Amino acid sequence: MVISNTTGRKTIKYRHADYETAKKEVRGYFQGRGEAYPSEIEEDLELDYKLICQIVEELKREGRLEVL
């Protein structure tokens, strides 16, 4: 899926990944960077923002992430 705003400033290309694959990628992203905003993950991993937010919430519930 490709998303483009009407001003033409930014285009985000999403790729399909099942939930478990996306979760592993998001966990790895945090392991490599330490901290990140969901919007950074969205852009770098090309995953849907809502999916990232769901995964982050799950990782927080599991005690794998903390909000600073």
C-alpha atoms as a PDB file:
ATOM      1  CA  MET A   1       0.000   0.000   0.000  1.00  0.00           C
ATOM      2  CA  VAL A   2       1.314   3.464  -0.812  1.00  0.00           C
ATOM      3  CA  ILE A   3       0.056   6.471   1.126  1.00  0.00           C
ATOM      4  CA  SER A   4       0.645   9.998  -0.119  1.00  0.00           C
ATOM      5  CA  ASN A   5      -0.627  13.220   1.351  1.00  0.00           C
ATOM      6  CA  THR A   6      -2.201  15.864  -0.849  1.00  0.00           C
ATOM      7  CA  THR A   7       0.715  18.269  -0.453  1.00  0.00           C
ATOM      8  CA  GLY A   8       3.071  15.763  -2.026  1.00  0.00           C
ATOM      9  CA  ARG A   9       5.571  16.085   0.799  1.00  0.00           C
ATOM     10  CA  LYS A  10       5.839  12.469   1.896  1.00  0.00           C
ATOM     11  CA  THR A  11       4.953   9.054   0.575  1.00  0.00           C
ATOM     12  CA  ILE A  12       4.870   6.021   2.847  1.00  0.00           C
ATOM     13  CA  LYS A  13       5.000   2.591   1.286  1.00  0.00           C
ATOM     14  CA  TYR A  14       3.654  -0.196   3.494  1.00  0.00           C
ATOM     15  CA  ARG A  15       4.592  -3.805   3.036  1.00  0.00           C
ATOM     16  CA  HIS A  16       2.534  -6.726   4.239  1.00  0.00           C
ATOM     17  CA  ALA A  17       3.820  -8.682   7.220  1.00  0.00           C
ATOM     18  CA  ASP A  18       1.848 -11.051   9.429  1.00  0.00           C
ATOM     19  CA  TYR A  19       1.473 -10.033  13.074  1.00  0.00           C
ATOM     20  CA  GLU A  20       4.125 -12.340  14.513  1.00  0.00           C
ATOM     21  CA  THR A  21       6.709 -11.357  11.891  1.00  0.00           C
ATOM     22  CA  ALA A  22       5.968  -7.671  12.452  1.00  0.00           C
ATOM     23  CA  LYS A  23       6.234  -8.161  16.219  1.00  0.00           C
ATOM     24  CA  LYS A  24       9.668  -9.755  15.869  1.00  0.00           C
ATOM     25  CA  GLU A  25      10.792  -6.905  13.623  1.00  0.00           C
ATOM     26  CA  VAL A  26       9.523  -4.257  16.038  1.00  0.00           C
ATOM     27  CA  ARG A  27      11.241  -5.987  18.989  1.00  0.00           C
ATOM     28  CA  GLY A  28      14.461  -6.146  16.983  1.00  0.00           C
ATOM     29  CA  TYR A  29      14.112  -2.488  16.087  1.00  0.00           C
ATOM     30  CA  PHE A  30      13.938  -1.534  19.763  1.00  0.00           C
ATOM     31  CA  GLN A  31      16.821  -3.846  20.612  1.00  0.00           C
ATOM     32  CA  GLY A  32      18.965  -2.122  18.010  1.00  0.00           C
ATOM     33  CA  ARG A  33      17.929   1.446  18.746  1.00  0.00           C
ATOM     34  CA  GLY A  34      16.950   1.365  22.395  1.00  0.00           C
ATOM     35  CA  GLU A  35      14.110   3.817  21.915  1.00  0.00           C
ATOM     36  CA  ALA A  36      11.954   5.062  19.071  1.00  0.00           C
ATOM     37  CA  TYR A  37       8.686   6.713  18.203  1.00  0.00           C
ATOM     38  CA  PRO A  38       6.108   4.565  16.395  1.00  0.00           C
ATOM     39  CA  SER A  39       6.292   6.968  13.443  1.00  0.00           C
ATOM     40  CA  GLU A  40      10.020   6.213  13.079  1.00  0.00           C
ATOM     41  CA  ILE A  41       9.303   2.496  13.081  1.00  0.00           C
ATOM     42  CA  GLU A  42       6.526   3.021  10.541  1.00  0.00           C
ATOM     43  CA  GLU A  43       8.901   4.743   8.158  1.00  0.00           C
ATOM     44  CA  ASP A  44      11.934   2.504   8.678  1.00  0.00           C
ATOM     45  CA  LEU A  45      10.156  -0.868   8.675  1.00  0.00           C
ATOM     46  CA  GLU A  46       7.370   0.161   6.263  1.00  0.00           C
ATOM     47  CA  LEU A  47       4.696  -1.235   8.576  1.00  0.00           C
ATOM     48  CA  ASP A  48       1.225   0.138   9.250  1.00  0.00           C
ATOM     49  CA  TYR A  49       1.163   2.644  12.121  1.00  0.00           C
ATOM     50  CA  LYS A  50      -1.868   1.057  13.831  1.00  0.00           C
ATOM     51  CA  LEU A  51      -0.185  -2.354  13.713  1.00  0.00           C
ATOM     52  CA  ILE A  52       2.951  -0.899  15.297  1.00  0.00           C
ATOM     53  CA  CYS A  53       0.908   0.709  18.075  1.00  0.00           C
ATOM     54  CA  GLN A  54      -0.848  -2.604  18.794  1.00  0.00           C
ATOM     55  CA  ILE A  55       2.499  -4.395  18.942  1.00  0.00           C
ATOM     56  CA  VAL A  56       4.038  -1.741  21.196  1.00  0.00           C
ATOM     57  CA  GLU A  57       1.091  -2.012  23.601  1.00  0.00           C
ATOM     58  CA  GLU A  58       1.461  -5.794  23.680  1.00  0.00           C
ATOM     59  CA  LEU A  59       5.213  -5.552  24.286  1.00  0.00           C
ATOM     60  CA  LYS A  60       4.558  -3.130  27.165  1.00  0.00           C
ATOM     61  CA  ARG A  61       2.021  -5.539  28.712  1.00  0.00           C
ATOM     62  CA  GLU A  62       4.577  -8.355  28.384  1.00  0.00           C
ATOM     63  CA  GLY A  63       7.161  -6.209  30.193  1.00  0.00           C
ATOM     64  CA  ARG A  64       9.479  -6.112  27.163  1.00  0.00           C
ATOM     65  CA  LEU A  65       9.177  -2.323  26.732  1.00  0.00           C
ATOM     66  CA  GLU A  66       8.753   0.594  29.059  1.00  0.00           C
ATOM     67  CA  VAL A  67       7.630   4.123  28.346  1.00  0.00           C
ATOM     68  CA  LEU A  68      10.200   6.731  29.304  1.00  0.00           C
END
